[in-house]
Amino acid sequence: QLALERAVSGAAQRNTALASNLANANTP
């Protein structure tokens, strides 16, 4: 259960990072 909680947390952090990447898609 703790590993599942960390997986959800890690996926949330990764989601934020990937969304940030997309937001900066046109940043030279």
PDB file of all heavy atoms in Angstrom:
ATOM      1  N   GLN A   1       0.838  -1.202   0.000  1.00  0.00           N
ATOM      2  CA  GLN A   1       0.000   0.000   0.000  1.00  0.00           C
ATOM      3  C   GLN A   1       0.875   1.255   0.000  1.00  0.00           C
ATOM      4  O   GLN A   1       0.575   2.216  -0.707  1.00  0.00           O
ATOM      5  CB  GLN A   1      -0.945   0.012   1.210  1.00  0.00           C
ATOM      6  CG  GLN A   1      -2.030   1.055   1.124  1.00  0.00           C
ATOM      7  CD  GLN A   1      -3.066   0.755   0.052  1.00  0.00           C
ATOM      8  OE1 GLN A   1      -3.287  -0.386  -0.322  1.00  0.00           O
ATOM      9  NE2 GLN A   1      -3.705   1.789  -0.444  1.00  0.00           N
ATOM     10  N   LEU A   2       1.938   1.239   0.754  1.00  0.00           N
ATOM     11  CA  LEU A   2       2.859   2.374   0.779  1.00  0.00           C
ATOM     12  C   LEU A   2       3.508   2.569  -0.596  1.00  0.00           C
ATOM     13  O   LEU A   2       3.641   3.698  -1.074  1.00  0.00           O
ATOM     14  CB  LEU A   2       3.925   2.179   1.853  1.00  0.00           C
ATOM     15  CG  LEU A   2       4.891   3.330   2.079  1.00  0.00           C
ATOM     16  CD1 LEU A   2       4.168   4.632   2.407  1.00  0.00           C
ATOM     17  CD2 LEU A   2       5.870   2.982   3.198  1.00  0.00           C
ATOM     18  N   ALA A   3       3.879   1.476  -1.254  1.00  0.00           N
ATOM     19  CA  ALA A   3       4.462   1.567  -2.593  1.00  0.00           C
ATOM     20  C   ALA A   3       3.449   2.132  -3.587  1.00  0.00           C
ATOM     21  O   ALA A   3       3.807   2.945  -4.455  1.00  0.00           O
ATOM     22  CB  ALA A   3       4.956   0.194  -3.047  1.00  0.00           C
ATOM     23  N   LEU A   4       2.198   1.740  -3.453  1.00  0.00           N
ATOM     24  CA  LEU A   4       1.155   2.296  -4.327  1.00  0.00           C
ATOM     25  C   LEU A   4       1.003   3.799  -4.100  1.00  0.00           C
ATOM     26  O   LEU A   4       0.862   4.572  -5.054  1.00  0.00           O
ATOM     27  CB  LEU A   4      -0.181   1.590  -4.081  1.00  0.00           C
ATOM     28  CG  LEU A   4      -0.316   0.201  -4.685  1.00  0.00           C
ATOM     29  CD1 LEU A   4      -1.534  -0.517  -4.109  1.00  0.00           C
ATOM     30  CD2 LEU A   4      -0.411   0.283  -6.199  1.00  0.00           C
ATOM     31  N   GLU A   5       1.037   4.214  -2.835  1.00  0.00           N
ATOM     32  CA  GLU A   5       0.940   5.646  -2.526  1.00  0.00           C
ATOM     33  C   GLU A   5       2.121   6.406  -3.138  1.00  0.00           C
ATOM     34  O   GLU A   5       1.953   7.494  -3.690  1.00  0.00           O
ATOM     35  CB  GLU A   5       0.898   5.863  -1.020  1.00  0.00           C
ATOM     36  CG  GLU A   5      -0.384   5.402  -0.383  1.00  0.00           C
ATOM     37  CD  GLU A   5      -0.352   5.475   1.135  1.00  0.00           C
ATOM     38  OE1 GLU A   5       0.573   6.107   1.703  1.00  0.00           O
ATOM     39  OE2 GLU A   5      -1.247   4.892   1.763  1.00  0.00           O
ATOM     40  N   ARG A   6       3.317   5.835  -3.048  1.00  0.00           N
ATOM     41  CA  ARG A   6       4.493   6.495  -3.625  1.00  0.00           C
ATOM     42  C   ARG A   6       4.414   6.515  -5.151  1.00  0.00           C
ATOM     43  O   ARG A   6       4.855   7.463  -5.788  1.00  0.00           O
ATOM     44  CB  ARG A   6       5.779   5.805  -3.172  1.00  0.00           C
ATOM     45  CG  ARG A   6       6.063   5.928  -1.691  1.00  0.00           C
ATOM     46  CD  ARG A   6       6.096   7.389  -1.222  1.00  0.00           C
ATOM     47  NE  ARG A   6       6.426   7.499   0.165  1.00  0.00           N
ATOM     48  CZ  ARG A   6       5.542   7.641   1.148  1.00  0.00           C
ATOM     49  NH1 ARG A   6       4.257   7.711   0.894  1.00  0.00           N
ATOM     50  NH2 ARG A   6       5.942   7.734   2.401  1.00  0.00           N
ATOM     51  N   ALA A   7       3.846   5.467  -5.745  1.00  0.00           N
ATOM     52  CA  ALA A   7       3.671   5.439  -7.198  1.00  0.00           C
ATOM     53  C   ALA A   7       2.712   6.542  -7.640  1.00  0.00           C
ATOM     54  O   ALA A   7       2.966   7.231  -8.644  1.00  0.00           O
ATOM     55  CB  ALA A   7       3.165   4.077  -7.651  1.00  0.00           C
ATOM     56  N   VAL A   8       1.637   6.736  -6.904  1.00  0.00           N
ATOM     57  CA  VAL A   8       0.686   7.809  -7.226  1.00  0.00           C
ATOM     58  C   VAL A   8       1.374   9.162  -7.085  1.00  0.00           C
ATOM     59  O   VAL A   8       1.245  10.035  -7.951  1.00  0.00           O
ATOM     60  CB  VAL A   8      -0.567   7.717  -6.324  1.00  0.00           C
ATOM     61  CG1 VAL A   8      -1.436   8.956  -6.469  1.00  0.00           C
ATOM     62  CG2 VAL A   8      -1.366   6.466  -6.648  1.00  0.00           C
ATOM     63  N   SER A   9       2.132   9.332  -6.017  1.00  0.00           N
ATOM     64  CA  SER A   9       2.850  10.580  -5.788  1.00  0.00           C
ATOM     65  C   SER A   9       3.899  10.823  -6.875  1.00  0.00           C
ATOM     66  O   SER A   9       4.020  11.942  -7.397  1.00  0.00           O
ATOM     67  CB  SER A   9       3.523  10.545  -4.412  1.00  0.00           C
ATOM     68  OG  SER A   9       4.332  11.664  -4.222  1.00  0.00           O
ATOM     69  N   GLY A  10       4.648   9.794  -7.216  1.00  0.00           N
ATOM     70  CA  GLY A  10       5.662   9.925  -8.262  1.00  0.00           C
ATOM     71  C   GLY A  10       5.043  10.245  -9.614  1.00  0.00           C
ATOM     72  O   GLY A  10       5.555  11.081 -10.358  1.00  0.00           O
ATOM     73  N   ALA A  11       3.922   9.605  -9.916  1.00  0.00           N
ATOM     74  CA  ALA A  11       3.233   9.887 -11.175  1.00  0.00           C
ATOM     75  C   ALA A  11       2.710  11.322 -11.197  1.00  0.00           C
ATOM     76  O   ALA A  11       2.743  11.977 -12.245  1.00  0.00           O
ATOM     77  CB  ALA A  11       2.097   8.892 -11.391  1.00  0.00           C
ATOM     78  N   ALA A  12       2.259  11.817 -10.055  1.00  0.00           N
ATOM     79  CA  ALA A  12       1.797  13.211  -9.990  1.00  0.00           C
ATOM     80  C   ALA A  12       2.945  14.179 -10.237  1.00  0.00           C
ATOM     81  O   ALA A  12       2.797  15.162 -10.982  1.00  0.00           O
ATOM     82  CB  ALA A  12       1.150  13.484  -8.629  1.00  0.00           C
ATOM     83  N   GLN A  13       4.099  13.894  -9.638  1.00  0.00           N
ATOM     84  CA  GLN A  13       5.275  14.741  -9.859  1.00  0.00           C
ATOM     85  C   GLN A  13       5.716  14.673 -11.322  1.00  0.00           C
ATOM     86  O   GLN A  13       6.099  15.681 -11.913  1.00  0.00           O
ATOM     87  CB  GLN A  13       6.430  14.311  -8.948  1.00  0.00           C
ATOM     88  CG  GLN A  13       6.206  14.612  -7.492  1.00  0.00           C
ATOM     89  CD  GLN A  13       6.248  16.098  -7.210  1.00  0.00           C
ATOM     90  OE1 GLN A  13       6.845  16.875  -7.929  1.00  0.00           O
ATOM     91  NE2 GLN A  13       5.578  16.501  -6.151  1.00  0.00           N
ATOM     92  N   ARG A  14       5.654  13.474 -11.893  1.00  0.00           N
ATOM     93  CA  ARG A  14       6.040  13.329 -13.300  1.00  0.00           C
ATOM     94  C   ARG A  14       5.056  14.059 -14.197  1.00  0.00           C
ATOM     95  O   ARG A  14       5.445  14.694 -15.173  1.00  0.00           O
ATOM     96  CB  ARG A  14       6.113  11.849 -13.691  1.00  0.00           C
ATOM     97  CG  ARG A  14       6.634  11.684 -15.116  1.00  0.00           C
ATOM     98  CD  ARG A  14       7.003  10.258 -15.436  1.00  0.00           C
ATOM     99  NE  ARG A  14       7.784  10.249 -16.671  1.00  0.00           N
ATOM    100  CZ  ARG A  14       7.465   9.532 -17.734  1.00  0.00           C
ATOM    101  NH1 ARG A  14       6.424   8.728 -17.713  1.00  0.00           N
ATOM    102  NH2 ARG A  14       8.218   9.605 -18.815  1.00  0.00           N
ATOM    103  N   ASN A  15       3.779  14.003 -13.861  1.00  0.00           N
ATOM    104  CA  ASN A  15       2.769  14.719 -14.632  1.00  0.00           C
ATOM    105  C   ASN A  15       3.069  16.216 -14.655  1.00  0.00           C
ATOM    106  O   ASN A  15       2.988  16.861 -15.706  1.00  0.00           O
ATOM    107  CB  ASN A  15       1.381  14.466 -14.048  1.00  0.00           C
ATOM    108  CG  ASN A  15       0.283  15.017 -14.913  1.00  0.00           C
ATOM    109  OD1 ASN A  15       0.087  14.540 -16.022  1.00  0.00           O
ATOM    110  ND2 ASN A  15      -0.420  16.019 -14.415  1.00  0.00           N
ATOM    111  N   THR A  16       3.439  16.759 -13.510  1.00  0.00           N
ATOM    112  CA  THR A  16       3.783  18.181 -13.423  1.00  0.00           C
ATOM    113  C   THR A  16       4.992  18.501 -14.307  1.00  0.00           C
ATOM    114  O   THR A  16       5.000  19.508 -15.015  1.00  0.00           O
ATOM    115  CB  THR A  16       4.064  18.570 -11.959  1.00  0.00           C
ATOM    116  OG1 THR A  16       2.878  18.312 -11.191  1.00  0.00           O
ATOM    117  CG2 THR A  16       4.450  20.024 -11.829  1.00  0.00           C
ATOM    118  N   ALA A  17       6.005  17.628 -14.265  1.00  0.00           N
ATOM    119  CA  ALA A  17       7.208  17.848 -15.070  1.00  0.00           C
ATOM    120  C   ALA A  17       6.891  17.783 -16.562  1.00  0.00           C
ATOM    121  O   ALA A  17       7.344  18.629 -17.342  1.00  0.00           O
ATOM    122  CB  ALA A  17       8.284  16.819 -14.716  1.00  0.00           C
ATOM    123  N   LEU A  18       6.103  16.793 -16.963  1.00  0.00           N
ATOM    124  CA  LEU A  18       5.766  16.637 -18.375  1.00  0.00           C
ATOM    125  C   LEU A  18       4.904  17.807 -18.859  1.00  0.00           C
ATOM    126  O   LEU A  18       5.089  18.304 -19.977  1.00  0.00           O
ATOM    127  CB  LEU A  18       5.054  15.307 -18.613  1.00  0.00           C
ATOM    128  CG  LEU A  18       5.876  14.044 -18.327  1.00  0.00           C
ATOM    129  CD1 LEU A  18       5.014  12.793 -18.462  1.00  0.00           C
ATOM    130  CD2 LEU A  18       7.091  13.965 -19.222  1.00  0.00           C
ATOM    131  N   ALA A  19       3.976  18.264 -18.021  1.00  0.00           N
ATOM    132  CA  ALA A  19       3.154  19.424 -18.386  1.00  0.00           C
ATOM    133  C   ALA A  19       4.018  20.678 -18.518  1.00  0.00           C
ATOM    134  O   ALA A  19       3.798  21.499 -19.413  1.00  0.00           O
ATOM    135  CB  ALA A  19       2.052  19.629 -17.346  1.00  0.00           C
ATOM    136  N   SER A  20       5.005  20.808 -17.652  1.00  0.00           N
ATOM    137  CA  SER A  20       5.930  21.939 -17.739  1.00  0.00           C
ATOM    138  C   SER A  20       6.724  21.882 -19.032  1.00  0.00           C
ATOM    139  O   SER A  20       6.955  22.909 -19.679  1.00  0.00           O
ATOM    140  CB  SER A  20       6.876  21.935 -16.534  1.00  0.00           C
ATOM    141  OG  SER A  20       7.830  22.959 -16.644  1.00  0.00           O
ATOM    142  N   ASN A  21       7.132  20.677 -19.414  1.00  0.00           N
ATOM    143  CA  ASN A  21       7.848  20.514 -20.682  1.00  0.00           C
ATOM    144  C   ASN A  21       6.984  20.995 -21.843  1.00  0.00           C
ATOM    145  O   ASN A  21       7.456  21.722 -22.718  1.00  0.00           O
ATOM    146  CB  ASN A  21       8.246  19.055 -20.899  1.00  0.00           C
ATOM    147  CG  ASN A  21       9.326  18.603 -19.957  1.00  0.00           C
ATOM    148  OD1 ASN A  21      10.055  19.396 -19.372  1.00  0.00           O
ATOM    149  ND2 ASN A  21       9.430  17.299 -19.786  1.00  0.00           N
ATOM    150  N   LEU A  22       5.726  20.581 -21.844  1.00  0.00           N
ATOM    151  CA  LEU A  22       4.829  20.998 -22.930  1.00  0.00           C
ATOM    152  C   LEU A  22       4.595  22.500 -22.912  1.00  0.00           C
ATOM    153  O   LEU A  22       4.517  23.134 -23.969  1.00  0.00           O
ATOM    154  CB  LEU A  22       3.500  20.245 -22.831  1.00  0.00           C
ATOM    155  CG  LEU A  22       3.550  18.793 -23.281  1.00  0.00           C
ATOM    156  CD1 LEU A  22       2.263  18.063 -22.927  1.00  0.00           C
ATOM    157  CD2 LEU A  22       3.823  18.702 -24.774  1.00  0.00           C
ATOM    158  N   ALA A  23       4.501  23.070 -21.722  1.00  0.00           N
ATOM    159  CA  ALA A  23       4.305  24.515 -21.619  1.00  0.00           C
ATOM    160  C   ALA A  23       5.501  25.287 -22.166  1.00  0.00           C
ATOM    161  O   ALA A  23       5.351  26.422 -22.619  1.00  0.00           O
ATOM    162  CB  ALA A  23       4.053  24.909 -20.163  1.00  0.00           C
ATOM    163  N   ASN A  24       6.662  24.670 -22.134  1.00  0.00           N
ATOM    164  CA  ASN A  24       7.889  25.317 -22.624  1.00  0.00           C
ATOM    165  C   ASN A  24       8.298  24.819 -24.006  1.00  0.00           C
ATOM    166  O   ASN A  24       9.447  24.999 -24.419  1.00  0.00           O
ATOM    167  CB  ASN A  24       9.029  25.081 -21.631  1.00  0.00           C
ATOM    168  CG  ASN A  24       8.872  25.930 -20.405  1.00  0.00           C
ATOM    169  OD1 ASN A  24       9.031  27.138 -20.473  1.00  0.00           O
ATOM    170  ND2 ASN A  24       8.516  25.298 -19.306  1.00  0.00           N
ATOM    171  N   ALA A  25       7.373  24.231 -24.724  1.00  0.00           N
ATOM    172  CA  ALA A  25       7.677  23.628 -26.023  1.00  0.00           C
ATOM    173  C   ALA A  25       8.279  24.618 -27.014  1.00  0.00           C
ATOM    174  O   ALA A  25       9.095  24.241 -27.846  1.00  0.00           O
ATOM    175  CB  ALA A  25       6.420  22.998 -26.615  1.00  0.00           C
ATOM    176  N   ASN A  26       7.905  25.873 -26.911  1.00  0.00           N
ATOM    177  CA  ASN A  26       8.406  26.880 -27.858  1.00  0.00           C
ATOM    178  C   ASN A  26       9.493  27.763 -27.262  1.00  0.00           C
ATOM    179  O   ASN A  26       9.837  28.790 -27.849  1.00  0.00           O
ATOM    180  CB  ASN A  26       7.248  27.735 -28.375  1.00  0.00           C
ATOM    181  CG  ASN A  26       6.304  26.922 -29.231  1.00  0.00           C
ATOM    182  OD1 ASN A  26       6.743  26.075 -29.997  1.00  0.00           O
ATOM    183  ND2 ASN A  26       5.015  27.153 -29.078  1.00  0.00           N
ATOM    184  N   THR A  27      10.023  27.369 -26.115  1.00  0.00           N
ATOM    185  CA  THR A  27      11.094  28.132 -25.486  1.00  0.00           C
ATOM    186  C   THR A  27      12.433  27.697 -26.079  1.00  0.00           C
ATOM    187  O   THR A  27      12.824  26.533 -25.933  1.00  0.00           O
ATOM    188  CB  THR A  27      11.101  27.902 -23.957  1.00  0.00           C
ATOM    189  OG1 THR A  27       9.829  28.255 -23.425  1.00  0.00           O
ATOM    190  CG2 THR A  27      12.189  28.706 -23.283  1.00  0.00           C
ATOM    191  N   PRO A  28      13.126  28.610 -26.759  1.00  0.00           N
ATOM    192  CA  PRO A  28      14.421  28.244 -27.356  1.00  0.00           C
ATOM    193  C   PRO A  28      15.402  27.747 -26.287  1.00  0.00           C
ATOM    194  O   PRO A  28      15.510  28.319 -25.205  1.00  0.00           O
ATOM    195  CB  PRO A  28      14.915  29.553 -27.973  1.00  0.00           C
ATOM    196  CG  PRO A  28      13.684  30.368 -28.183  1.00  0.00           C
ATOM    197  CD  PRO A  28      12.758  29.996 -27.049  1.00  0.00           C
TER     198      PRO A  28
END
